[in-house]
Amino acid sequence: MLQTGVRVEFDSAFRWKAGEPNQPFAWQEALLPDFPNQITVGMDAFRNTYWHAYGSAPGLTYLLTTFRDELSHRGLANCWNRLLINNPTALCTCCQPL
């Protein structure tokens, strides 16, 4: 599917239990080298059931902390800006980049 040029968003990386294979991270490890400009990540950050302020987890900082640390652990630290800034910007832009 990515070979057609579509962009995809991975979600739910925080929902995997410790000790279990984390499928969203495994997909990113496999796909980011070949499709670095087509992948972005997200989470249901607006659900108050995930906010620390309501006693829940992982919290709004998950993508800035735990997720970023996990990318580093998997050798993908250089992809963070692309996944969370550059690719979402391109996805939401209605014109070709210069």
PDB file of N, CA and C in Angstrom:
ATOM      1  N   MET A   1       0.822  -1.178   0.000  1.00  0.00           N
ATOM      2  CA  MET A   1       0.000   0.000   0.000  1.00  0.00           C
ATOM      3  C   MET A   1       0.875   1.254   0.000  1.00  0.00           C
ATOM      4  N   LEU A   2       1.912   1.288   0.822  1.00  0.00           N
ATOM      5  CA  LEU A   2       2.785   2.461   0.874  1.00  0.00           C
ATOM      6  C   LEU A   2       3.483   2.701  -0.462  1.00  0.00           C
ATOM      7  N   GLN A   3       3.698   1.664  -1.232  1.00  0.00           N
ATOM      8  CA  GLN A   3       4.342   1.825  -2.534  1.00  0.00           C
ATOM      9  C   GLN A   3       3.501   2.655  -3.493  1.00  0.00           C
ATOM     10  N   THR A   4       2.206   2.805  -3.222  1.00  0.00           N
ATOM     11  CA  THR A   4       1.350   3.637  -4.062  1.00  0.00           C
ATOM     12  C   THR A   4       1.501   5.114  -3.734  1.00  0.00           C
ATOM     13  N   GLY A   5       2.168   5.428  -2.612  1.00  0.00           N
ATOM     14  CA  GLY A   5       2.381   6.821  -2.229  1.00  0.00           C
ATOM     15  C   GLY A   5       1.466   7.328  -1.135  1.00  0.00           C
ATOM     16  N   VAL A   6       0.548   6.496  -0.653  1.00  0.00           N
ATOM     17  CA  VAL A   6      -0.352   6.950   0.410  1.00  0.00           C
ATOM     18  C   VAL A   6       0.429   7.207   1.691  1.00  0.00           C
ATOM     19  N   ARG A   7      -0.168   7.980   2.565  1.00  0.00           N
ATOM     20  CA  ARG A   7       0.410   8.245   3.881  1.00  0.00           C
ATOM     21  C   ARG A   7      -0.419   7.487   4.911  1.00  0.00           C
ATOM     22  N   VAL A   8       0.247   7.005   5.956  1.00  0.00           N
ATOM     23  CA  VAL A   8      -0.444   6.250   7.003  1.00  0.00           C
ATOM     24  C   VAL A   8      -0.101   6.829   8.370  1.00  0.00           C
ATOM     25  N   GLU A   9      -0.986   6.554   9.329  1.00  0.00           N
ATOM     26  CA  GLU A   9      -0.767   6.997  10.701  1.00  0.00           C
ATOM     27  C   GLU A   9      -0.834   5.774  11.602  1.00  0.00           C
ATOM     28  N   PHE A  10       0.191   5.602  12.437  1.00  0.00           N
ATOM     29  CA  PHE A  10       0.191   4.530  13.419  1.00  0.00           C
ATOM     30  C   PHE A  10      -0.296   5.091  14.745  1.00  0.00           C
ATOM     31  N   ASP A  11      -1.140   4.335  15.397  1.00  0.00           N
ATOM     32  CA  ASP A  11      -1.716   4.737  16.667  1.00  0.00           C
ATOM     33  C   ASP A  11      -1.558   3.576  17.651  1.00  0.00           C
ATOM     34  N   SER A  12      -1.834   3.824  18.864  1.00  0.00           N
ATOM     35  CA  SER A  12      -1.957   2.790  19.892  1.00  0.00           C
ATOM     36  C   SER A  12      -0.661   2.174  20.377  1.00  0.00           C
ATOM     37  N   ALA A  13       0.490   2.766  20.106  1.00  0.00           N
ATOM     38  CA  ALA A  13       1.746   2.182  20.584  1.00  0.00           C
ATOM     39  C   ALA A  13       1.751   2.055  22.101  1.00  0.00           C
ATOM     40  N   PHE A  14       1.022   2.935  22.784  1.00  0.00           N
ATOM     41  CA  PHE A  14       1.011   2.928  24.248  1.00  0.00           C
ATOM     42  C   PHE A  14       0.083   1.873  24.832  1.00  0.00           C
ATOM     43  N   ARG A  15      -0.712   1.219  24.037  1.00  0.00           N
ATOM     44  CA  ARG A  15      -1.686   0.251  24.551  1.00  0.00           C
ATOM     45  C   ARG A  15      -1.115  -1.155  24.721  1.00  0.00           C
ATOM     46  N   TRP A  16       0.113  -1.375  24.316  1.00  0.00           N
ATOM     47  CA  TRP A  16       0.705  -2.712  24.404  1.00  0.00           C
ATOM     48  C   TRP A  16       1.271  -2.940  25.795  1.00  0.00           C
ATOM     49  N   LYS A  17       1.064  -4.131  26.307  1.00  0.00           N
ATOM     50  CA  LYS A  17       1.546  -4.469  27.647  1.00  0.00           C
ATOM     51  C   LYS A  17       3.048  -4.737  27.625  1.00  0.00           C
ATOM     52  N   ALA A  18       3.702  -4.419  28.733  1.00  0.00           N
ATOM     53  CA  ALA A  18       5.141  -4.679  28.866  1.00  0.00           C
ATOM     54  C   ALA A  18       5.407  -6.166  28.662  1.00  0.00           C
ATOM     55  N   GLY A  19       6.453  -6.462  27.927  1.00  0.00           N
ATOM     56  CA  GLY A  19       6.812  -7.843  27.670  1.00  0.00           C
ATOM     57  C   GLY A  19       6.172  -8.442  26.436  1.00  0.00           C
ATOM     58  N   GLU A  20       5.164  -7.778  25.883  1.00  0.00           N
ATOM     59  CA  GLU A  20       4.526  -8.254  24.657  1.00  0.00           C
ATOM     60  C   GLU A  20       5.125  -7.521  23.467  1.00  0.00           C
ATOM     61  N   PRO A  21       5.196  -8.178  22.310  1.00  0.00           N
ATOM     62  CA  PRO A  21       5.678  -7.471  21.112  1.00  0.00           C
ATOM     63  C   PRO A  21       4.757  -6.285  20.803  1.00  0.00           C
ATOM     64  N   ASN A  22       5.332  -5.134  20.546  1.00  0.00           N
ATOM     65  CA  ASN A  22       4.568  -3.923  20.253  1.00  0.00           C
ATOM     66  C   ASN A  22       4.475  -3.775  18.738  1.00  0.00           C
ATOM     67  N   GLN A  23       3.334  -4.164  18.174  1.00  0.00           N
ATOM     68  CA  GLN A  23       3.185  -4.208  16.724  1.00  0.00           C
ATOM     69  C   GLN A  23       3.381  -2.854  16.045  1.00  0.00           C
ATOM     70  N   PRO A  24       2.823  -1.744  16.553  1.00  0.00           N
ATOM     71  CA  PRO A  24       3.086  -0.463  15.882  1.00  0.00           C
ATOM     72  C   PRO A  24       4.578  -0.123  15.791  1.00  0.00           C
ATOM     73  N   PHE A  25       5.342  -0.413  16.836  1.00  0.00           N
ATOM     74  CA  PHE A  25       6.783  -0.156  16.771  1.00  0.00           C
ATOM     75  C   PHE A  25       7.462  -1.107  15.790  1.00  0.00           C
ATOM     76  N   ALA A  26       7.034  -2.359  15.759  1.00  0.00           N
ATOM     77  CA  ALA A  26       7.617  -3.322  14.820  1.00  0.00           C
ATOM     78  C   ALA A  26       7.360  -2.882  13.382  1.00  0.00           C
ATOM     79  N   TRP A  27       6.157  -2.392  13.097  1.00  0.00           N
ATOM     80  CA  TRP A  27       5.849  -1.904  11.744  1.00  0.00           C
ATOM     81  C   TRP A  27       6.715  -0.702  11.397  1.00  0.00           C
ATOM     82  N   GLN A  28       6.890   0.199  12.355  1.00  0.00           N
ATOM     83  CA  GLN A  28       7.726   1.372  12.094  1.00  0.00           C
ATOM     84  C   GLN A  28       9.166   0.965  11.808  1.00  0.00           C
ATOM     85  N   GLU A  29       9.683   0.013  12.573  1.00  0.00           N
ATOM     86  CA  GLU A  29      11.050  -0.466  12.330  1.00  0.00           C
ATOM     87  C   GLU A  29      11.185  -1.025  10.919  1.00  0.00           C
ATOM     88  N   ALA A  30      10.175  -1.750  10.474  1.00  0.00           N
ATOM     89  CA  ALA A  30      10.227  -2.387   9.161  1.00  0.00           C
ATOM     90  C   ALA A  30       9.992  -1.401   8.020  1.00  0.00           C
ATOM     91  N   LEU A  31       9.130  -0.407   8.227  1.00  0.00           N
ATOM     92  CA  LEU A  31       8.689   0.449   7.121  1.00  0.00           C
ATOM     93  C   LEU A  31       9.387   1.801   7.015  1.00  0.00           C
ATOM     94  N   LEU A  32       9.828   2.361   8.125  1.00  0.00           N
ATOM     95  CA  LEU A  32      10.437   3.700   8.079  1.00  0.00           C
ATOM     96  C   LEU A  32      11.654   3.805   7.164  1.00  0.00           C
ATOM     97  N   PRO A  33      12.524   2.805   7.101  1.00  0.00           N
ATOM     98  CA  PRO A  33      13.673   2.944   6.197  1.00  0.00           C
ATOM     99  C   PRO A  33      13.277   3.126   4.726  1.00  0.00           C
ATOM    100  N   ASP A  34      12.196   2.489   4.300  1.00  0.00           N
ATOM    101  CA  ASP A  34      11.775   2.574   2.897  1.00  0.00           C
ATOM    102  C   ASP A  34      10.749   3.673   2.629  1.00  0.00           C
ATOM    103  N   PHE A  35      10.003   4.074   3.649  1.00  0.00           N
ATOM    104  CA  PHE A  35       8.925   5.050   3.459  1.00  0.00           C
ATOM    105  C   PHE A  35       8.983   6.148   4.525  1.00  0.00           C
ATOM    106  N   PRO A  36      10.107   6.826   4.675  1.00  0.00           N
ATOM    107  CA  PRO A  36      10.277   7.776   5.780  1.00  0.00           C
ATOM    108  C   PRO A  36       9.371   8.999   5.710  1.00  0.00           C
ATOM    109  N   ASN A  37       8.871   9.341   4.534  1.00  0.00           N
ATOM    110  CA  ASN A  37       8.057  10.554   4.383  1.00  0.00           C
ATOM    111  C   ASN A  37       6.560  10.278   4.361  1.00  0.00           C
ATOM    112  N   GLN A  38       6.154   9.041   4.566  1.00  0.00           N
ATOM    113  CA  GLN A  38       4.746   8.686   4.442  1.00  0.00           C
ATOM    114  C   GLN A  38       4.115   8.210   5.747  1.00  0.00           C
ATOM    115  N   ILE A  39       4.868   8.192   6.822  1.00  0.00           N
ATOM    116  CA  ILE A  39       4.370   7.631   8.077  1.00  0.00           C
ATOM    117  C   ILE A  39       4.343   8.712   9.151  1.00  0.00           C
ATOM    118  N   THR A  40       3.248   8.727   9.891  1.00  0.00           N
ATOM    119  CA  THR A  40       3.120   9.610  11.045  1.00  0.00           C
ATOM    120  C   THR A  40       2.543   8.796  12.201  1.00  0.00           C
ATOM    121  N   VAL A  41       2.581   9.342  13.386  1.00  0.00           N
ATOM    122  CA  VAL A  41       2.046   8.635  14.553  1.00  0.00           C
ATOM    123  C   VAL A  41       1.114   9.556  15.320  1.00  0.00           C
ATOM    124  N   GLY A  42       0.271   8.959  16.116  1.00  0.00           N
ATOM    125  CA  GLY A  42      -0.649   9.734  16.924  1.00  0.00           C
ATOM    126  C   GLY A  42      -1.204   8.887  18.052  1.00  0.00           C
ATOM    127  N   MET A  43      -2.106   9.460  18.782  1.00  0.00           N
ATOM    128  CA  MET A  43      -2.798   8.761  19.862  1.00  0.00           C
ATOM    129  C   MET A  43      -4.083   9.517  20.155  1.00  0.00           C
ATOM    130  N   ASP A  44      -4.961   8.907  20.900  1.00  0.00           N
ATOM    131  CA  ASP A  44      -6.219   9.558  21.265  1.00  0.00           C
ATOM    132  C   ASP A  44      -5.978  10.532  22.411  1.00  0.00           C
ATOM    133  N   ALA A  45      -5.135  11.521  22.173  1.00  0.00           N
ATOM    134  CA  ALA A  45      -4.689  12.427  23.233  1.00  0.00           C
ATOM    135  C   ALA A  45      -5.808  13.280  23.808  1.00  0.00           C
ATOM    136  N   PHE A  46      -6.890  13.435  23.080  1.00  0.00           N
ATOM    137  CA  PHE A  46      -7.964  14.285  23.578  1.00  0.00           C
ATOM    138  C   PHE A  46      -8.931  13.538  24.488  1.00  0.00           C
ATOM    139  N   ARG A  47      -8.749  12.242  24.629  1.00  0.00           N
ATOM    140  CA  ARG A  47      -9.592  11.469  25.545  1.00  0.00           C
ATOM    141  C   ARG A  47      -9.092  11.694  26.968  1.00  0.00           C
ATOM    142  N   ASN A  48      -9.943  12.245  27.808  1.00  0.00           N
ATOM    143  CA  ASN A  48      -9.499  12.532  29.174  1.00  0.00           C
ATOM    144  C   ASN A  48      -9.171  11.266  29.962  1.00  0.00           C
ATOM    145  N   THR A  49      -9.572  10.112  29.446  1.00  0.00           N
ATOM    146  CA  THR A  49      -9.227   8.856  30.117  1.00  0.00           C
ATOM    147  C   THR A  49      -7.747   8.525  29.972  1.00  0.00           C
ATOM    148  N   TYR A  50      -7.010   9.298  29.178  1.00  0.00           N
ATOM    149  CA  TYR A  50      -5.564   9.117  29.032  1.00  0.00           C
ATOM    150  C   TYR A  50      -4.772  10.234  29.714  1.00  0.00           C
ATOM    151  N   TRP A  51      -5.417  11.146  30.385  1.00  0.00           N
ATOM    152  CA  TRP A  51      -4.740  12.304  30.968  1.00  0.00           C
ATOM    153  C   TRP A  51      -4.272  12.022  32.393  1.00  0.00           C
ATOM    154  N   HIS A  52      -3.050  12.436  32.711  1.00  0.00           N
ATOM    155  CA  HIS A  52      -2.535  12.325  34.077  1.00  0.00           C
ATOM    156  C   HIS A  52      -3.385  13.143  35.045  1.00  0.00           C
ATOM    157  N   ALA A  53      -3.916  14.264  34.594  1.00  0.00           N
ATOM    158  CA  ALA A  53      -4.715  15.134  35.460  1.00  0.00           C
ATOM    159  C   ALA A  53      -5.946  14.414  36.012  1.00  0.00           C
ATOM    160  N   TYR A  54      -6.400  13.381  35.311  1.00  0.00           N
ATOM    161  CA  TYR A  54      -7.545  12.596  35.765  1.00  0.00           C
ATOM    162  C   TYR A  54      -7.104  11.266  36.368  1.00  0.00           C
ATOM    163  N   GLY A  55      -5.804  11.161  36.651  1.00  0.00           N
ATOM    164  CA  GLY A  55      -5.285   9.941  37.253  1.00  0.00           C
ATOM    165  C   GLY A  55      -5.092   8.798  36.277  1.00  0.00           C
ATOM    166  N   SER A  56      -5.040   9.106  35.010  1.00  0.00           N
ATOM    167  CA  SER A  56      -4.917   8.069  33.988  1.00  0.00           C
ATOM    168  C   SER A  56      -3.560   8.124  33.307  1.00  0.00           C
ATOM    169  N   ALA A  57      -3.354   7.233  32.378  1.00  0.00           N
ATOM    170  CA  ALA A  57      -2.092   7.147  31.640  1.00  0.00           C
ATOM    171  C   ALA A  57      -2.402   6.815  30.183  1.00  0.00           C
ATOM    172  N   PRO A  58      -1.545   7.125  29.265  1.00  0.00           N
ATOM    173  CA  PRO A  58      -0.144   7.469  29.421  1.00  0.00           C
ATOM    174  C   PRO A  58       0.109   8.960  29.580  1.00  0.00           C
ATOM    175  N   GLY A  59      -0.898   9.780  29.412  1.00  0.00           N
ATOM    176  CA  GLY A  59      -0.713  11.226  29.533  1.00  0.00           C
ATOM    177  C   GLY A  59      -0.383  11.880  28.206  1.00  0.00           C
ATOM    178  N   LEU A  60      -0.603  13.181  28.167  1.00  0.00           N
ATOM    179  CA  LEU A  60      -0.387  13.934  26.931  1.00  0.00           C
ATOM    180  C   LEU A  60       1.077  14.019  26.529  1.00  0.00           C
ATOM    181  N   THR A  61       1.974  13.766  27.462  1.00  0.00           N
ATOM    182  CA  THR A  61       3.406  13.860  27.156  1.00  0.00           C
ATOM    183  C   THR A  61       3.984  12.570  26.585  1.00  0.00           C
ATOM    184  N   TYR A  62       3.188  11.535  26.434  1.00  0.00           N
ATOM    185  CA  TYR A  62       3.683  10.228  25.985  1.00  0.00           C
ATOM    186  C   TYR A  62       4.518  10.323  24.710  1.00  0.00           C
ATOM    187  N   LEU A  63       4.009  11.020  23.696  1.00  0.00           N
ATOM    188  CA  LEU A  63       4.736  11.105  22.423  1.00  0.00           C
ATOM    189  C   LEU A  63       6.047  11.869  22.562  1.00  0.00           C
ATOM    190  N   LEU A  64       6.118  12.764  23.537  1.00  0.00           N
ATOM    191  CA  LEU A  64       7.329  13.560  23.744  1.00  0.00           C
ATOM    192  C   LEU A  64       8.357  12.869  24.632  1.00  0.00           C
ATOM    193  N   THR A  65       7.929  11.860  25.370  1.00  0.00           N
ATOM    194  CA  THR A  65       8.838  11.222  26.328  1.00  0.00           C
ATOM    195  C   THR A  65       9.008   9.735  26.021  1.00  0.00           C
ATOM    196  N   THR A  66       8.080   8.931  26.476  1.00  0.00           N
ATOM    197  CA  THR A  66       8.183   7.475  26.357  1.00  0.00           C
ATOM    198  C   THR A  66       8.316   7.027  24.908  1.00  0.00           C
ATOM    199  N   PHE A  67       7.491   7.573  24.035  1.00  0.00           N
ATOM    200  CA  PHE A  67       7.550   7.200  22.620  1.00  0.00           C
ATOM    201  C   PHE A  67       8.908   7.560  22.025  1.00  0.00           C
ATOM    202  N   ARG A  68       9.372   8.753  22.331  1.00  0.00           N
ATOM    203  CA  ARG A  68      10.672   9.202  21.814  1.00  0.00           C
ATOM    204  C   ARG A  68      11.805   8.315  22.334  1.00  0.00           C
ATOM    205  N   ASP A  69      11.744   7.945  23.606  1.00  0.00           N
ATOM    206  CA  ASP A  69      12.745   7.043  24.184  1.00  0.00           C
ATOM    207  C   ASP A  69      12.725   5.686  23.492  1.00  0.00           C
ATOM    208  N   GLU A  70      11.535   5.181  23.200  1.00  0.00           N
ATOM    209  CA  GLU A  70      11.422   3.881  22.530  1.00  0.00           C
ATOM    210  C   GLU A  70      11.974   3.942  21.110  1.00  0.00           C
ATOM    211  N   LEU A  71      11.744   5.039  20.419  1.00  0.00           N
ATOM    212  CA  LEU A  71      12.352   5.204  19.090  1.00  0.00           C
ATOM    213  C   LEU A  71      13.872   5.142  19.193  1.00  0.00           C
ATOM    214  N   SER A  72      14.431   5.823  20.172  1.00  0.00           N
ATOM    215  CA  SER A  72      15.886   5.803  20.372  1.00  0.00           C
ATOM    216  C   SER A  72      16.373   4.393  20.648  1.00  0.00           C
ATOM    217  N   HIS A  73      15.663   3.692  21.503  1.00  0.00           N
ATOM    218  CA  HIS A  73      16.019   2.310  21.849  1.00  0.00           C
ATOM    219  C   HIS A  73      16.040   1.415  20.605  1.00  0.00           C
ATOM    220  N   ARG A  74      15.168   1.691  19.652  1.00  0.00           N
ATOM    221  CA  ARG A  74      15.064   0.884  18.434  1.00  0.00           C
ATOM    222  C   ARG A  74      15.912   1.426  17.286  1.00  0.00           C
ATOM    223  N   GLY A  75      16.735   2.436  17.570  1.00  0.00           N
ATOM    224  CA  GLY A  75      17.600   2.987  16.533  1.00  0.00           C
ATOM    225  C   GLY A  75      16.888   3.901  15.555  1.00  0.00           C
ATOM    226  N   LEU A  76      15.748   4.445  15.954  1.00  0.00           N
ATOM    227  CA  LEU A  76      14.947   5.297  15.075  1.00  0.00           C
ATOM    228  C   LEU A  76      14.853   6.735  15.584  1.00  0.00           C
ATOM    229  N   ALA A  77      15.770   7.150  16.439  1.00  0.00           N
ATOM    230  CA  ALA A  77      15.713   8.496  17.023  1.00  0.00           C
ATOM    231  C   ALA A  77      15.692   9.579  15.954  1.00  0.00           C
ATOM    232  N   ASN A  78      16.380   9.353  14.855  1.00  0.00           N
ATOM    233  CA  ASN A  78      16.432  10.360  13.789  1.00  0.00           C
ATOM    234  C   ASN A  78      15.099  10.504  13.060  1.00  0.00           C
ATOM    235  N   CYS A  79      14.132   9.663  13.354  1.00  0.00           N
ATOM    236  CA  CYS A  79      12.824   9.719  12.685  1.00  0.00           C
ATOM    237  C   CYS A  79      11.794  10.532  13.456  1.00  0.00           C
ATOM    238  N   TRP A  80      12.096  10.923  14.693  1.00  0.00           N
ATOM    239  CA  TRP A  80      11.091  11.558  15.545  1.00  0.00           C
ATOM    240  C   TRP A  80      10.506  12.824  14.917  1.00  0.00           C
ATOM    241  N   ASN A  81      11.349  13.749  14.470  1.00  0.00           N
ATOM    242  CA  ASN A  81      10.835  14.985  13.860  1.00  0.00           C
ATOM    243  C   ASN A  81       9.989  14.687  12.637  1.00  0.00           C
ATOM    244  N   ARG A  82      10.421  13.733  11.860  1.00  0.00           N
ATOM    245  CA  ARG A  82       9.682  13.381  10.653  1.00  0.00           C
ATOM    246  C   ARG A  82       8.307  12.812  11.017  1.00  0.00           C
ATOM    247  N   LEU A  83       8.267  11.898  11.987  1.00  0.00           N
ATOM    248  CA  LEU A  83       7.017  11.249  12.386  1.00  0.00           C
ATOM    249  C   LEU A  83       6.019  12.206  13.015  1.00  0.00           C
ATOM    250  N   LEU A  84       6.512  13.161  13.804  1.00  0.00           N
ATOM    251  CA  LEU A  84       5.608  14.007  14.577  1.00  0.00           C
ATOM    252  C   LEU A  84       5.492  15.444  14.099  1.00  0.00           C
ATOM    253  N   ILE A  85       6.377  15.884  13.216  1.00  0.00           N
ATOM    254  CA  ILE A  85       6.317  17.270  12.751  1.00  0.00           C
ATOM    255  C   ILE A  85       6.243  17.337  11.223  1.00  0.00           C
ATOM    256  N   ASN A  86       7.281  16.875  10.556  1.00  0.00           N
ATOM    257  CA  ASN A  86       7.363  17.036   9.097  1.00  0.00           C
ATOM    258  C   ASN A  86       6.271  16.283   8.346  1.00  0.00           C
ATOM    259  N   ASN A  87       6.093  15.003   8.647  1.00  0.00           N
ATOM    260  CA  ASN A  87       5.100  14.221   7.915  1.00  0.00           C
ATOM    261  C   ASN A  87       3.668  14.670   8.193  1.00  0.00           C
ATOM    262  N   PRO A  88       3.288  14.953   9.456  1.00  0.00           N
ATOM    263  CA  PRO A  88       1.937  15.476   9.674  1.00  0.00           C
ATOM    264  C   PRO A  88       1.712  16.824   8.978  1.00  0.00           C
ATOM    265  N   THR A  89       2.741  17.668   8.948  1.00  0.00           N
ATOM    266  CA  THR A  89       2.621  18.952   8.251  1.00  0.00           C
ATOM    267  C   THR A  89       2.357  18.728   6.772  1.00  0.00           C
ATOM    268  N   ALA A  90       3.112  17.832   6.164  1.00  0.00           N
ATOM    269  CA  ALA A  90       2.918  17.533   4.743  1.00  0.00           C
ATOM    270  C   ALA A  90       1.548  16.912   4.496  1.00  0.00           C
ATOM    271  N   LEU A  91       1.101  16.080   5.406  1.00  0.00           N
ATOM    272  CA  LEU A  91      -0.195  15.429   5.271  1.00  0.00           C
ATOM    273  C   LEU A  91      -1.340  16.437   5.284  1.00  0.00           C
ATOM    274  N   CYS A  92      -1.198  17.482   6.078  1.00  0.00           N
ATOM    275  CA  CYS A  92      -2.262  18.478   6.235  1.00  0.00           C
ATOM    276  C   CYS A  92      -2.099  19.683   5.320  1.00  0.00           C
ATOM    277  N   THR A  93      -1.125  19.648   4.430  1.00  0.00           N
ATOM    278  CA  THR A  93      -0.883  20.749   3.510  1.00  0.00           C
ATOM    279  C   THR A  93      -1.528  20.428   2.173  1.00  0.00           C
ATOM    280  N   CYS A  94      -2.194  21.399   1.610  1.00  0.00           N
ATOM    281  CA  CYS A  94      -2.912  21.179   0.351  1.00  0.00           C
ATOM    282  C   CYS A  94      -2.119  21.626  -0.866  1.00  0.00           C
ATOM    283  N   CYS A  95      -0.808  21.600  -0.791  1.00  0.00           N
ATOM    284  CA  CYS A  95       0.012  21.953  -1.946  1.00  0.00           C
ATOM    285  C   CYS A  95       1.282  21.121  -1.927  1.00  0.00           C
ATOM    286  N   GLN A  96       1.952  21.075  -3.047  1.00  0.00           N
ATOM    287  CA  GLN A  96       3.199  20.330  -3.148  1.00  0.00           C
ATOM    288  C   GLN A  96       4.297  21.085  -2.408  1.00  0.00           C
ATOM    289  N   PRO A  97       5.146  20.364  -1.669  1.00  0.00           N
ATOM    290  CA  PRO A  97       6.272  21.038  -1.017  1.00  0.00           C
ATOM    291  C   PRO A  97       7.239  21.599  -2.046  1.00  0.00           C
ATOM    292  N   LEU A  98       7.904  22.696  -1.691  1.00  0.00           N
ATOM    293  CA  LEU A  98       8.870  23.307  -2.606  1.00  0.00           C
ATOM    294  C   LEU A  98      10.155  22.535  -2.634  1.00  0.00           C
TER     295      LEU A  98
END
